[in-house]
């Protein structure tokens, strides 16, 4: 496994992944459907992530208060989108 990527299980059945990227390193936590108890807005599509929908939480290591909840497909497709604000909020 490359030294720039580390994966581990964390409490609460999250899958944690630490990845360096152009906006600094961040941690990706995978939220299982039974753990999703609140609604969020995905910054990738600006649509709602409903209660009971599995998704990912992306936490910048240098600014954990900027964490964002993403739909799994939106997070997987983020590299194909044009560059913009990395942790944009809903307009």
PDB file of N, CA and C in Angstrom:
ATOM      1  N   UNK A   1       0.853  -1.192   0.000  1.00  0.00           N
ATOM      2  CA  UNK A   1       0.000   0.000   0.000  1.00  0.00           C
ATOM      3  C   UNK A   1       0.883   1.235   0.000  1.00  0.00           C
ATOM      4  N   UNK A   2       0.586   2.245  -0.823  1.00  0.00           N
ATOM      5  CA  UNK A   2       1.411   3.458  -0.867  1.00  0.00           C
ATOM      6  C   UNK A   2       1.415   4.176   0.471  1.00  0.00           C
ATOM      7  N   UNK A   3       2.510   4.838   0.785  1.00  0.00           N
ATOM      8  CA  UNK A   3       2.612   5.533   2.060  1.00  0.00           C
ATOM      9  C   UNK A   3       1.697   6.747   2.141  1.00  0.00           C
ATOM     10  N   UNK A   4       1.228   7.269   1.003  1.00  0.00           N
ATOM     11  CA  UNK A   4       0.378   8.453   1.010  1.00  0.00           C
ATOM     12  C   UNK A   4      -1.087   8.126   1.278  1.00  0.00           C
ATOM     13  N   UNK A   5      -1.401   6.853   1.400  1.00  0.00           N
ATOM     14  CA  UNK A   5      -2.784   6.436   1.606  1.00  0.00           C
ATOM     15  C   UNK A   5      -2.805   5.465   2.761  1.00  0.00           C
ATOM     16  N   UNK A   6      -3.656   5.721   3.728  1.00  0.00           N
ATOM     17  CA  UNK A   6      -3.803   4.765   4.810  1.00  0.00           C
ATOM     18  C   UNK A   6      -5.279   4.532   5.068  1.00  0.00           C
ATOM     19  N   UNK A   7      -5.614   3.311   5.361  1.00  0.00           N
ATOM     20  CA  UNK A   7      -7.006   2.945   5.598  1.00  0.00           C
ATOM     21  C   UNK A   7      -7.102   2.216   6.926  1.00  0.00           C
ATOM     22  N   UNK A   8      -8.205   2.405   7.608  1.00  0.00           N
ATOM     23  CA  UNK A   8      -8.428   1.696   8.862  1.00  0.00           C
ATOM     24  C   UNK A   8      -9.900   1.734   9.216  1.00  0.00           C
ATOM     25  N   UNK A   9     -10.283   0.850  10.096  1.00  0.00           N
ATOM     26  CA  UNK A   9     -11.645   0.894  10.617  1.00  0.00           C
ATOM     27  C   UNK A   9     -11.634   1.748  11.868  1.00  0.00           C
ATOM     28  N   UNK A  10     -12.630   2.567  12.030  1.00  0.00           N
ATOM     29  CA  UNK A  10     -12.727   3.398  13.219  1.00  0.00           C
ATOM     30  C   UNK A  10     -14.022   3.057  13.934  1.00  0.00           C
ATOM     31  N   UNK A  11     -14.182   3.462  15.182  1.00  0.00           N
ATOM     32  CA  UNK A  11     -15.402   3.148  15.915  1.00  0.00           C
ATOM     33  C   UNK A  11     -16.650   3.616  15.171  1.00  0.00           C
ATOM     34  N   UNK A  12     -17.735   2.901  15.315  1.00  0.00           N
ATOM     35  CA  UNK A  12     -18.983   3.261  14.664  1.00  0.00           C
ATOM     36  C   UNK A  12     -19.093   2.687  13.266  1.00  0.00           C
ATOM     37  N   UNK A  13     -18.253   1.714  12.931  1.00  0.00           N
ATOM     38  CA  UNK A  13     -18.290   1.042  11.632  1.00  0.00           C
ATOM     39  C   UNK A  13     -18.006   1.981  10.469  1.00  0.00           C
ATOM     40  N   UNK A  14     -17.273   3.039  10.705  1.00  0.00           N
ATOM     41  CA  UNK A  14     -16.856   3.927   9.624  1.00  0.00           C
ATOM     42  C   UNK A  14     -15.638   3.316   8.948  1.00  0.00           C
ATOM     43  N   UNK A  15     -15.519   3.507   7.672  1.00  0.00           N
ATOM     44  CA  UNK A  15     -14.296   3.164   6.957  1.00  0.00           C
ATOM     45  C   UNK A  15     -13.541   4.464   6.782  1.00  0.00           C
ATOM     46  N   UNK A  16     -12.367   4.548   7.346  1.00  0.00           N
ATOM     47  CA  UNK A  16     -11.589   5.781   7.307  1.00  0.00           C
ATOM     48  C   UNK A  16     -10.456   5.636   6.309  1.00  0.00           C
ATOM     49  N   UNK A  17     -10.255   6.657   5.533  1.00  0.00           N
ATOM     50  CA  UNK A  17      -9.213   6.669   4.504  1.00  0.00           C
ATOM     51  C   UNK A  17      -8.567   8.048   4.539  1.00  0.00           C
ATOM     52  N   UNK A  18      -7.254   8.101   4.675  1.00  0.00           N
ATOM     53  CA  UNK A  18      -6.547   9.387   4.676  1.00  0.00           C
ATOM     54  C   UNK A  18      -5.834   9.550   3.351  1.00  0.00           C
ATOM     55  N   UNK A  19      -6.133  10.660   2.679  1.00  0.00           N
ATOM     56  CA  UNK A  19      -5.613  10.867   1.329  1.00  0.00           C
ATOM     57  C   UNK A  19      -5.082  12.292   1.195  1.00  0.00           C
ATOM     58  N   UNK A  20      -3.845  12.458   0.692  1.00  0.00           N
ATOM     59  CA  UNK A  20      -3.377  13.816   0.403  1.00  0.00           C
ATOM     60  C   UNK A  20      -3.917  14.248  -0.956  1.00  0.00           C
ATOM     61  N   UNK A  21      -4.359  15.462  -1.072  1.00  0.00           N
ATOM     62  CA  UNK A  21      -4.845  15.955  -2.351  1.00  0.00           C
ATOM     63  C   UNK A  21      -4.503  17.414  -2.472  1.00  0.00           C
ATOM     64  N   UNK A  22      -4.884  18.027  -3.557  1.00  0.00           N
ATOM     65  CA  UNK A  22      -4.450  19.399  -3.835  1.00  0.00           C
ATOM     66  C   UNK A  22      -4.904  20.401  -2.787  1.00  0.00           C
ATOM     67  N   UNK A  23      -5.950  20.110  -2.031  1.00  0.00           N
ATOM     68  CA  UNK A  23      -6.429  21.029  -1.002  1.00  0.00           C
ATOM     69  C   UNK A  23      -5.959  20.609   0.380  1.00  0.00           C
ATOM     70  N   UNK A  24      -4.983  19.726   0.450  1.00  0.00           N
ATOM     71  CA  UNK A  24      -4.478  19.239   1.721  1.00  0.00           C
ATOM     72  C   UNK A  24      -5.029  17.863   2.025  1.00  0.00           C
ATOM     73  N   UNK A  25      -4.437  17.187   2.995  1.00  0.00           N
ATOM     74  CA  UNK A  25      -4.894  15.839   3.331  1.00  0.00           C
ATOM     75  C   UNK A  25      -6.277  15.869   3.974  1.00  0.00           C
ATOM     76  N   UNK A  26      -7.016  14.815   3.762  1.00  0.00           N
ATOM     77  CA  UNK A  26      -8.342  14.703   4.361  1.00  0.00           C
ATOM     78  C   UNK A  26      -8.613  13.257   4.710  1.00  0.00           C
ATOM     79  N   UNK A  27      -9.626  13.048   5.519  1.00  0.00           N
ATOM     80  CA  UNK A  27     -10.051  11.716   5.923  1.00  0.00           C
ATOM     81  C   UNK A  27     -11.443  11.474   5.364  1.00  0.00           C
ATOM     82  N   UNK A  28     -11.657  10.297   4.819  1.00  0.00           N
ATOM     83  CA  UNK A  28     -12.962   9.927   4.273  1.00  0.00           C
ATOM     84  C   UNK A  28     -13.561   8.863   5.179  1.00  0.00           C
ATOM     85  N   UNK A  29     -14.741   9.144   5.713  1.00  0.00           N
ATOM     86  CA  UNK A  29     -15.450   8.204   6.582  1.00  0.00           C
ATOM     87  C   UNK A  29     -16.679   7.693   5.852  1.00  0.00           C
ATOM     88  N   UNK A  30     -16.807   6.401   5.725  1.00  0.00           N
ATOM     89  CA  UNK A  30     -17.966   5.810   5.051  1.00  0.00           C
ATOM     90  C   UNK A  30     -19.052   5.578   6.091  1.00  0.00           C
ATOM     91  N   UNK A  31     -20.221   6.145   5.848  1.00  0.00           N
ATOM     92  CA  UNK A  31     -21.357   6.033   6.763  1.00  0.00           C
ATOM     93  C   UNK A  31     -22.314   4.987   6.194  1.00  0.00           C
ATOM     94  N   UNK A  32     -22.610   3.976   6.984  1.00  0.00           N
ATOM     95  CA  UNK A  32     -23.551   2.928   6.572  1.00  0.00           C
ATOM     96  C   UNK A  32     -24.983   3.462   6.667  1.00  0.00           C
ATOM     97  N   UNK A  33     -25.908   2.916   5.886  1.00  0.00           N
ATOM     98  CA  UNK A  33     -27.291   3.423   5.913  1.00  0.00           C
ATOM     99  C   UNK A  33     -27.919   3.446   7.310  1.00  0.00           C
ATOM    100  N   UNK A  34     -27.659   2.426   8.116  1.00  0.00           N
ATOM    101  CA  UNK A  34     -28.269   2.406   9.449  1.00  0.00           C
ATOM    102  C   UNK A  34     -27.647   3.449  10.385  1.00  0.00           C
ATOM    103  N   UNK A  35     -26.509   4.019  10.011  1.00  0.00           N
ATOM    104  CA  UNK A  35     -25.859   5.051  10.818  1.00  0.00           C
ATOM    105  C   UNK A  35     -26.260   6.464  10.396  1.00  0.00           C
ATOM    106  N   UNK A  36     -26.906   6.597   9.242  1.00  0.00           N
ATOM    107  CA  UNK A  36     -27.268   7.914   8.703  1.00  0.00           C
ATOM    108  C   UNK A  36     -28.572   8.368   9.351  1.00  0.00           C
ATOM    109  N   UNK A  37     -28.468   9.222  10.345  1.00  0.00           N
ATOM    110  CA  UNK A  37     -29.629   9.624  11.144  1.00  0.00           C
ATOM    111  C   UNK A  37     -30.048  11.073  10.960  1.00  0.00           C
ATOM    112  N   UNK A  38     -29.305  11.820  10.125  1.00  0.00           N
ATOM    113  CA  UNK A  38     -29.637  13.220   9.863  1.00  0.00           C
ATOM    114  C   UNK A  38     -29.628  13.464   8.370  1.00  0.00           C
ATOM    115  N   UNK A  39     -30.283  14.538   7.952  1.00  0.00           N
ATOM    116  CA  UNK A  39     -30.248  14.945   6.551  1.00  0.00           C
ATOM    117  C   UNK A  39     -29.112  15.952   6.357  1.00  0.00           C
ATOM    118  N   UNK A  40     -28.466  15.871   5.193  1.00  0.00           N
ATOM    119  CA  UNK A  40     -27.385  16.775   4.835  1.00  0.00           C
ATOM    120  C   UNK A  40     -27.564  17.194   3.384  1.00  0.00           C
ATOM    121  N   UNK A  41     -26.811  18.195   2.957  1.00  0.00           N
ATOM    122  CA  UNK A  41     -26.796  18.615   1.555  1.00  0.00           C
ATOM    123  C   UNK A  41     -25.431  18.239   0.991  1.00  0.00           C
ATOM    124  N   UNK A  42     -25.445  17.500  -0.100  1.00  0.00           N
ATOM    125  CA  UNK A  42     -24.210  17.062  -0.747  1.00  0.00           C
ATOM    126  C   UNK A  42     -23.607  18.228  -1.535  1.00  0.00           C
ATOM    127  N   UNK A  43     -22.327  18.571  -1.298  1.00  0.00           N
ATOM    128  CA  UNK A  43     -21.711  19.662  -2.060  1.00  0.00           C
ATOM    129  C   UNK A  43     -21.428  19.289  -3.514  1.00  0.00           C
ATOM    130  N   UNK A  44     -21.480  18.010  -3.845  1.00  0.00           N
ATOM    131  CA  UNK A  44     -21.220  17.586  -5.212  1.00  0.00           C
ATOM    132  C   UNK A  44     -22.381  17.846  -6.147  1.00  0.00           C
ATOM    133  N   UNK A  45     -23.610  17.749  -5.622  1.00  0.00           N
ATOM    134  CA  UNK A  45     -24.796  17.923  -6.472  1.00  0.00           C
ATOM    135  C   UNK A  45     -25.809  18.907  -5.890  1.00  0.00           C
ATOM    136  N   UNK A  46     -25.574  19.376  -4.663  1.00  0.00           N
ATOM    137  CA  UNK A  46     -26.488  20.280  -3.956  1.00  0.00           C
ATOM    138  C   UNK A  46     -27.862  19.684  -3.729  1.00  0.00           C
ATOM    139  N   UNK A  47     -27.934  18.350  -3.665  1.00  0.00           N
ATOM    140  CA  UNK A  47     -29.181  17.673  -3.331  1.00  0.00           C
ATOM    141  C   UNK A  47     -29.084  17.090  -1.928  1.00  0.00           C
ATOM    142  N   UNK A  48     -30.229  16.783  -1.384  1.00  0.00           N
ATOM    143  CA  UNK A  48     -30.332  16.268  -0.032  1.00  0.00           C
ATOM    144  C   UNK A  48     -29.815  14.832   0.067  1.00  0.00           C
ATOM    145  N   UNK A  49     -29.115  14.539   1.153  1.00  0.00           N
ATOM    146  CA  UNK A  49     -28.782  13.164   1.526  1.00  0.00           C
ATOM    147  C   UNK A  49     -29.771  12.819   2.628  1.00  0.00           C
ATOM    148  N   UNK A  50     -30.667  11.924   2.346  1.00  0.00           N
ATOM    149  CA  UNK A  50     -31.751  11.620   3.284  1.00  0.00           C
ATOM    150  C   UNK A  50     -31.318  10.684   4.402  1.00  0.00           C
ATOM    151  N   UNK A  51     -32.108  10.676   5.453  1.00  0.00           N
ATOM    152  CA  UNK A  51     -31.896   9.759   6.567  1.00  0.00           C
ATOM    153  C   UNK A  51     -31.953   8.337   6.023  1.00  0.00           C
ATOM    154  N   UNK A  52     -31.023   7.495   6.449  1.00  0.00           N
ATOM    155  CA  UNK A  52     -31.012   6.101   6.023  1.00  0.00           C
ATOM    156  C   UNK A  52     -30.264   5.842   4.729  1.00  0.00           C
ATOM    157  N   UNK A  53     -29.629   6.868   4.157  1.00  0.00           N
ATOM    158  CA  UNK A  53     -28.866   6.703   2.919  1.00  0.00           C
ATOM    159  C   UNK A  53     -27.378   6.675   3.266  1.00  0.00           C
ATOM    160  N   UNK A  54     -26.686   5.615   2.859  1.00  0.00           N
ATOM    161  CA  UNK A  54     -25.244   5.529   3.074  1.00  0.00           C
ATOM    162  C   UNK A  54     -24.537   6.619   2.281  1.00  0.00           C
ATOM    163  N   UNK A  55     -23.478   7.169   2.835  1.00  0.00           N
ATOM    164  CA  UNK A  55     -22.749   8.247   2.188  1.00  0.00           C
ATOM    165  C   UNK A  55     -21.346   8.334   2.778  1.00  0.00           C
ATOM    166  N   UNK A  56     -20.583   9.338   2.386  1.00  0.00           N
ATOM    167  CA  UNK A  56     -19.251   9.542   2.960  1.00  0.00           C
ATOM    168  C   UNK A  56     -19.193  10.906   3.630  1.00  0.00           C
ATOM    169  N   UNK A  57     -18.368  10.988   4.655  1.00  0.00           N
ATOM    170  CA  UNK A  57     -18.074  12.257   5.317  1.00  0.00           C
ATOM    171  C   UNK A  57     -16.603  12.542   5.038  1.00  0.00           C
ATOM    172  N   UNK A  58     -16.324  13.694   4.467  1.00  0.00           N
ATOM    173  CA  UNK A  58     -14.961  14.086   4.124  1.00  0.00           C
ATOM    174  C   UNK A  58     -14.523  15.157   5.112  1.00  0.00           C
ATOM    175  N   UNK A  59     -13.437  14.868   5.822  1.00  0.00           N
ATOM    176  CA  UNK A  59     -12.954  15.757   6.880  1.00  0.00           C
ATOM    177  C   UNK A  59     -11.536  16.220   6.543  1.00  0.00           C
ATOM    178  N   UNK A  60     -11.347  17.499   6.198  1.00  0.00           N
ATOM    179  CA  UNK A  60      -9.982  18.000   5.988  1.00  0.00           C
ATOM    180  C   UNK A  60      -9.215  17.934   7.312  1.00  0.00           C
ATOM    181  N   UNK A  61      -8.037  17.352   7.293  1.00  0.00           N
ATOM    182  CA  UNK A  61      -7.276  17.177   8.531  1.00  0.00           C
ATOM    183  C   UNK A  61      -6.826  18.494   9.131  1.00  0.00           C
ATOM    184  N   UNK A  62      -6.625  19.503   8.293  1.00  0.00           N
ATOM    185  CA  UNK A  62      -6.174  20.799   8.793  1.00  0.00           C
ATOM    186  C   UNK A  62      -7.329  21.707   9.205  1.00  0.00           C
ATOM    187  N   UNK A  63      -8.563  21.332   8.855  1.00  0.00           N
ATOM    188  CA  UNK A  63      -9.739  22.142   9.205  1.00  0.00           C
ATOM    189  C   UNK A  63     -10.946  21.231   9.385  1.00  0.00           C
ATOM    190  N   UNK A  64     -10.992  20.451  10.474  1.00  0.00           N
ATOM    191  CA  UNK A  64     -12.076  19.484  10.655  1.00  0.00           C
ATOM    192  C   UNK A  64     -13.476  20.099  10.699  1.00  0.00           C
ATOM    193  N   UNK A  65     -13.565  21.396  11.016  1.00  0.00           N
ATOM    194  CA  UNK A  65     -14.873  22.051  11.031  1.00  0.00           C
ATOM    195  C   UNK A  65     -15.430  22.230   9.619  1.00  0.00           C
ATOM    196  N   UNK A  66     -14.629  21.984   8.582  1.00  0.00           N
ATOM    197  CA  UNK A  66     -15.095  22.085   7.193  1.00  0.00           C
ATOM    198  C   UNK A  66     -15.532  20.732   6.631  1.00  0.00           C
ATOM    199  N   UNK A  67     -15.836  19.786   7.493  1.00  0.00           N
ATOM    200  CA  UNK A  67     -16.261  18.466   7.017  1.00  0.00           C
ATOM    201  C   UNK A  67     -17.553  18.584   6.209  1.00  0.00           C
ATOM    202  N   UNK A  68     -17.692  17.718   5.227  1.00  0.00           N
ATOM    203  CA  UNK A  68     -18.881  17.709   4.364  1.00  0.00           C
ATOM    204  C   UNK A  68     -19.333  16.290   4.134  1.00  0.00           C
ATOM    205  N   UNK A  69     -20.639  16.133   3.993  1.00  0.00           N
ATOM    206  CA  UNK A  69     -21.256  14.841   3.709  1.00  0.00           C
ATOM    207  C   UNK A  69     -21.558  14.784   2.219  1.00  0.00           C
ATOM    208  N   UNK A  70     -21.120  13.707   1.555  1.00  0.00           N
ATOM    209  CA  UNK A  70     -21.274  13.541   0.113  1.00  0.00           C
ATOM    210  C   UNK A  70     -22.025  12.249  -0.202  1.00  0.00           C
ATOM    211  N   UNK A  71     -22.825  12.262  -1.260  1.00  0.00           N
ATOM    212  CA  UNK A  71     -23.342  11.005  -1.802  1.00  0.00           C
ATOM    213  C   UNK A  71     -22.138  10.192  -2.274  1.00  0.00           C
ATOM    214  N   UNK A  72     -22.213   8.880  -2.193  1.00  0.00           N
ATOM    215  CA  UNK A  72     -21.103   8.041  -2.665  1.00  0.00           C
ATOM    216  C   UNK A  72     -20.769   8.300  -4.136  1.00  0.00           C
ATOM    217  N   UNK A  73     -21.753   8.326  -5.056  1.00  0.00           N
ATOM    218  CA  UNK A  73     -21.402   8.570  -6.462  1.00  0.00           C
ATOM    219  C   UNK A  73     -20.823   9.968  -6.698  1.00  0.00           C
ATOM    220  N   UNK A  74     -21.316  10.957  -5.984  1.00  0.00           N
ATOM    221  CA  UNK A  74     -20.787  12.324  -6.141  1.00  0.00           C
ATOM    222  C   UNK A  74     -19.323  12.368  -5.714  1.00  0.00           C
ATOM    223  N   UNK A  75     -18.995  11.714  -4.610  1.00  0.00           N
ATOM    224  CA  UNK A  75     -17.615  11.685  -4.151  1.00  0.00           C
ATOM    225  C   UNK A  75     -16.736  10.935  -5.151  1.00  0.00           C
ATOM    226  N   UNK A  76     -17.219   9.812  -5.663  1.00  0.00           N
ATOM    227  CA  UNK A  76     -16.442   9.024  -6.616  1.00  0.00           C
ATOM    228  C   UNK A  76     -16.206   9.775  -7.923  1.00  0.00           C
ATOM    229  N   UNK A  77     -17.124  10.640  -8.312  1.00  0.00           N
ATOM    230  CA  UNK A  77     -17.031  11.362  -9.590  1.00  0.00           C
ATOM    231  C   UNK A  77     -16.419  12.754  -9.456  1.00  0.00           C
ATOM    232  N   UNK A  78     -15.992  13.158  -8.284  1.00  0.00           N
ATOM    233  CA  UNK A  78     -15.517  14.524  -8.074  1.00  0.00           C
ATOM    234  C   UNK A  78     -14.319  14.870  -8.938  1.00  0.00           C
ATOM    235  N   UNK A  79     -13.483  13.916  -9.273  1.00  0.00           N
ATOM    236  CA  UNK A  79     -12.289  14.180 -10.086  1.00  0.00           C
ATOM    237  C   UNK A  79     -12.639  14.542 -11.528  1.00  0.00           C
ATOM    238  N   UNK A  80     -13.817  14.181 -11.978  1.00  0.00           N
ATOM    239  CA  UNK A  80     -14.228  14.464 -13.349  1.00  0.00           C
ATOM    240  C   UNK A  80     -14.856  15.834 -13.507  1.00  0.00           C
ATOM    241  N   UNK A  81     -15.143  16.485 -12.392  1.00  0.00           N
ATOM    242  CA  UNK A  81     -15.769  17.807 -12.441  1.00  0.00           C
ATOM    243  C   UNK A  81     -14.704  18.889 -12.548  1.00  0.00           C
ATOM    244  N   UNK A  82     -15.060  20.060 -13.096  1.00  0.00           N
ATOM    245  CA  UNK A  82     -14.094  21.156 -13.150  1.00  0.00           C
ATOM    246  C   UNK A  82     -13.710  21.613 -11.741  1.00  0.00           C
ATOM    247  N   UNK A  83     -12.525  22.147 -11.612  1.00  0.00           N
ATOM    248  CA  UNK A  83     -12.047  22.610 -10.303  1.00  0.00           C
ATOM    249  C   UNK A  83     -12.924  23.752  -9.802  1.00  0.00           C
ATOM    250  N   UNK A  84     -13.150  23.769  -8.536  1.00  0.00           N
ATOM    251  CA  UNK A  84     -13.956  24.812  -7.895  1.00  0.00           C
ATOM    252  C   UNK A  84     -13.615  24.835  -6.425  1.00  0.00           C
ATOM    253  N   UNK A  85     -14.500  25.380  -5.645  1.00  0.00           N
ATOM    254  CA  UNK A  85     -14.263  25.381  -4.213  1.00  0.00           C
ATOM    255  C   UNK A  85     -14.368  23.946  -3.707  1.00  0.00           C
ATOM    256  N   UNK A  86     -13.391  23.474  -2.934  1.00  0.00           N
ATOM    257  CA  UNK A  86     -13.381  22.080  -2.538  1.00  0.00           C
ATOM    258  C   UNK A  86     -14.496  21.702  -1.576  1.00  0.00           C
ATOM    259  N   UNK A  87     -14.931  22.592  -0.734  1.00  0.00           N
ATOM    260  CA  UNK A  87     -15.937  22.252   0.258  1.00  0.00           C
ATOM    261  C   UNK A  87     -17.082  23.275   0.165  1.00  0.00           C
ATOM    262  N   UNK A  88     -17.607  23.428  -1.021  1.00  0.00           N
ATOM    263  CA  UNK A  88     -18.630  24.442  -1.273  1.00  0.00           C
ATOM    264  C   UNK A  88     -19.914  24.147  -0.526  1.00  0.00           C
ATOM    265  N   UNK A  89     -20.537  25.179  -0.083  1.00  0.00           N
ATOM    266  CA  UNK A  89     -21.858  25.057   0.540  1.00  0.00           C
ATOM    267  C   UNK A  89     -22.928  25.329  -0.504  1.00  0.00           C
ATOM    268  N   UNK A  90     -24.137  24.980  -0.166  1.00  0.00           N
ATOM    269  CA  UNK A  90     -25.268  25.208  -1.053  1.00  0.00           C
ATOM    270  C   UNK A  90     -25.443  26.705  -1.292  1.00  0.00           C
ATOM    271  N   UNK A  91     -25.630  27.127  -2.550  1.00  0.00           N
ATOM    272  CA  UNK A  91     -25.794  28.566  -2.834  1.00  0.00           C
ATOM    273  C   UNK A  91     -27.076  29.128  -2.243  1.00  0.00           C
TER     274      UNK A  91
END
